[in-house]
Amino acid sequence: MMINETYLDFCFIQPKTGRLSVTVQEMFQSLFKGQRLHWYLDHKIVNDLEIVVAEVKGMSRWTSEEEVIDHLEENAGEDFWSTLNGYQLYVYPAGRCGTCGTH
């Protein structure tokens, strides 16, 4: 099975608890186990809301954005869905250039 260049961006928001970044870290460790993905979390507090913007990138076995969504729908728990506010997903199949999509 080929591995593919993968870029996932998520925005999570919840009322301020001080735990959102820890929760997101734990969710990602479970959700992305077995994939060669790394993430960076940017945590902010704005007007009593806790916001985590997550950038996930690396190599995965998924071949399309739809496969990522299917994986999330099957494996992500209530914490993921209740705090998810937005996302962008990009999967570039092996053999194609990630920046131009043709090579």
C-alpha atoms as a PDB file:
ATOM      1  CA  MET A   1       0.000   0.000   0.000  1.00  0.00           C
ATOM      2  CA  MET A   2       1.348   3.401  -0.953  1.00  0.00           C
ATOM      3  CA  ILE A   3       1.613   6.239   1.508  1.00  0.00           C
ATOM      4  CA  ASN A   4       0.442   9.699   0.568  1.00  0.00           C
ATOM      5  CA  GLU A   5       1.264  13.254   1.499  1.00  0.00           C
ATOM      6  CA  THR A   6      -1.396  14.445   3.944  1.00  0.00           C
ATOM      7  CA  TYR A   7      -2.272  17.907   5.282  1.00  0.00           C
ATOM      8  CA  LEU A   8      -5.130  18.297   7.759  1.00  0.00           C
ATOM      9  CA  ASP A   9      -6.164  21.511   9.518  1.00  0.00           C
ATOM     10  CA  PHE A  10      -8.712  21.577  12.334  1.00  0.00           C
ATOM     11  CA  CYS A  11     -10.218  24.263  14.541  1.00  0.00           C
ATOM     12  CA  PHE A  12     -11.646  23.213  17.914  1.00  0.00           C
ATOM     13  CA  ILE A  13     -13.599  25.563  20.210  1.00  0.00           C
ATOM     14  CA  GLN A  14     -15.178  25.096  23.622  1.00  0.00           C
ATOM     15  CA  PRO A  15     -15.933  27.141  26.748  1.00  0.00           C
ATOM     16  CA  LYS A  16     -12.721  27.802  28.703  1.00  0.00           C
ATOM     17  CA  THR A  17     -11.611  24.785  30.768  1.00  0.00           C
ATOM     18  CA  GLY A  18      -7.847  24.872  30.315  1.00  0.00           C
ATOM     19  CA  ARG A  19      -7.889  21.315  28.934  1.00  0.00           C
ATOM     20  CA  LEU A  20      -8.750  21.625  25.253  1.00  0.00           C
ATOM     21  CA  SER A  21      -5.188  21.300  23.949  1.00  0.00           C
ATOM     22  CA  VAL A  22      -4.629  18.215  26.142  1.00  0.00           C
ATOM     23  CA  THR A  23      -7.898  16.731  24.888  1.00  0.00           C
ATOM     24  CA  VAL A  24      -6.972  17.387  21.245  1.00  0.00           C
ATOM     25  CA  GLN A  25      -3.499  15.871  21.799  1.00  0.00           C
ATOM     26  CA  GLU A  26      -5.073  12.710  23.261  1.00  0.00           C
ATOM     27  CA  MET A  27      -7.657  12.506  20.447  1.00  0.00           C
ATOM     28  CA  PHE A  28      -4.961  12.806  17.778  1.00  0.00           C
ATOM     29  CA  GLN A  29      -2.769  10.154  19.422  1.00  0.00           C
ATOM     30  CA  SER A  30      -5.678   7.740  19.146  1.00  0.00           C
ATOM     31  CA  LEU A  31      -7.082   8.850  15.776  1.00  0.00           C
ATOM     32  CA  PHE A  32      -3.771   8.955  13.915  1.00  0.00           C
ATOM     33  CA  LYS A  33      -2.074   5.929  15.490  1.00  0.00           C
ATOM     34  CA  GLY A  34      -0.188   3.967  12.837  1.00  0.00           C
ATOM     35  CA  GLN A  35       0.082   6.926  10.456  1.00  0.00           C
ATOM     36  CA  ARG A  36       3.263   8.946   9.980  1.00  0.00           C
ATOM     37  CA  LEU A  37       1.591  12.216  10.910  1.00  0.00           C
ATOM     38  CA  HIS A  38       2.839  15.008  13.144  1.00  0.00           C
ATOM     39  CA  TRP A  39       0.861  17.912  14.520  1.00  0.00           C
ATOM     40  CA  TYR A  40       1.266  21.372  15.903  1.00  0.00           C
ATOM     41  CA  LEU A  41      -1.376  22.850  18.215  1.00  0.00           C
ATOM     42  CA  ASP A  42      -1.902  26.588  18.646  1.00  0.00           C
ATOM     43  CA  HIS A  43      -3.931  27.281  21.803  1.00  0.00           C
ATOM     44  CA  LYS A  44      -5.692  30.594  22.538  1.00  0.00           C
ATOM     45  CA  ILE A  45      -8.245  31.972  24.980  1.00  0.00           C
ATOM     46  CA  VAL A  46     -10.652  34.550  23.511  1.00  0.00           C
ATOM     47  CA  ASN A  47     -13.683  35.902  25.405  1.00  0.00           C
ATOM     48  CA  ASP A  48     -13.903  32.882  27.742  1.00  0.00           C
ATOM     49  CA  LEU A  49     -13.617  30.481  24.798  1.00  0.00           C
ATOM     50  CA  GLU A  50     -10.755  28.070  24.373  1.00  0.00           C
ATOM     51  CA  ILE A  51      -9.570  27.706  20.768  1.00  0.00           C
ATOM     52  CA  VAL A  52      -7.120  25.158  19.386  1.00  0.00           C
ATOM     53  CA  VAL A  53      -6.015  25.382  15.773  1.00  0.00           C
ATOM     54  CA  ALA A  54      -4.302  22.136  14.781  1.00  0.00           C
ATOM     55  CA  GLU A  55      -2.031  21.602  11.800  1.00  0.00           C
ATOM     56  CA  VAL A  56      -1.472  17.933  10.968  1.00  0.00           C
ATOM     57  CA  LYS A  57       0.936  16.863   8.245  1.00  0.00           C
ATOM     58  CA  GLY A  58       2.970  13.908   7.122  1.00  0.00           C
ATOM     59  CA  MET A  59       2.363  10.635   5.335  1.00  0.00           C
ATOM     60  CA  SER A  60      -0.745   8.463   5.570  1.00  0.00           C
ATOM     61  CA  ARG A  61      -2.347   5.436   3.923  1.00  0.00           C
ATOM     62  CA  TRP A  62      -5.429   7.477   2.963  1.00  0.00           C
ATOM     63  CA  THR A  63      -5.762   8.124  -0.765  1.00  0.00           C
ATOM     64  CA  SER A  64      -8.407  10.862  -0.635  1.00  0.00           C
ATOM     65  CA  GLU A  65     -10.048  13.426   1.595  1.00  0.00           C
ATOM     66  CA  GLU A  66     -13.174  11.228   1.637  1.00  0.00           C
ATOM     67  CA  GLU A  67     -11.159   8.392   3.222  1.00  0.00           C
ATOM     68  CA  VAL A  68      -9.990  10.762   5.961  1.00  0.00           C
ATOM     69  CA  ILE A  69     -13.598  11.805   6.638  1.00  0.00           C
ATOM     70  CA  ASP A  70     -14.699   8.152   6.716  1.00  0.00           C
ATOM     71  CA  HIS A  71     -11.919   7.389   9.219  1.00  0.00           C
ATOM     72  CA  LEU A  72     -12.937  10.309  11.426  1.00  0.00           C
ATOM     73  CA  GLU A  73     -16.626   9.374  11.273  1.00  0.00           C
ATOM     74  CA  GLU A  74     -15.820   5.796  12.305  1.00  0.00           C
ATOM     75  CA  ASN A  75     -13.220   6.561  14.996  1.00  0.00           C
ATOM     76  CA  ALA A  76     -13.604  10.053  16.431  1.00  0.00           C
ATOM     77  CA  GLY A  77     -15.508  10.324  19.686  1.00  0.00           C
ATOM     78  CA  GLU A  78     -17.967  12.829  21.073  1.00  0.00           C
ATOM     79  CA  ASP A  79     -15.180  15.188  22.297  1.00  0.00           C
ATOM     80  CA  PHE A  80     -13.920  15.518  18.727  1.00  0.00           C
ATOM     81  CA  TRP A  81     -17.304  16.269  17.181  1.00  0.00           C
ATOM     82  CA  SER A  82     -18.608  18.510  19.969  1.00  0.00           C
ATOM     83  CA  THR A  83     -15.568  20.819  19.808  1.00  0.00           C
ATOM     84  CA  LEU A  84     -14.807  20.695  16.058  1.00  0.00           C
ATOM     85  CA  ASN A  85     -15.621  24.047  14.484  1.00  0.00           C
ATOM     86  CA  GLY A  86     -13.975  23.714  11.061  1.00  0.00           C
ATOM     87  CA  TYR A  87     -11.472  21.756   8.993  1.00  0.00           C
ATOM     88  CA  GLN A  88      -9.543  21.548   5.717  1.00  0.00           C
ATOM     89  CA  LEU A  89      -8.231  18.248   4.383  1.00  0.00           C
ATOM     90  CA  TYR A  90      -5.742  17.619   1.579  1.00  0.00           C
ATOM     91  CA  VAL A  91      -4.378  14.234   0.499  1.00  0.00           C
ATOM     92  CA  TYR A  92      -1.923  14.093  -2.392  1.00  0.00           C
ATOM     93  CA  PRO A  93      -1.594  10.540  -3.792  1.00  0.00           C
ATOM     94  CA  ALA A  94       1.918   9.154  -4.208  1.00  0.00           C
ATOM     95  CA  GLY A  95       3.427   9.902  -7.564  1.00  0.00           C
ATOM     96  CA  ARG A  96       1.906  13.377  -7.724  1.00  0.00           C
ATOM     97  CA  CYS A  97       3.589  16.560  -6.612  1.00  0.00           C
ATOM     98  CA  GLY A  98       1.989  18.041  -3.498  1.00  0.00           C
ATOM     99  CA  THR A  99       2.525  21.596  -4.635  1.00  0.00           C
ATOM    100  CA  CYS A 100       1.374  21.426  -8.244  1.00  0.00           C
ATOM    101  CA  GLY A 101      -0.568  18.146  -8.290  1.00  0.00           C
ATOM    102  CA  THR A 102       0.839  16.958 -11.636  1.00  0.00           C
ATOM    103  CA  HIS A 103       4.230  15.323 -11.042  1.00  0.00           C
END
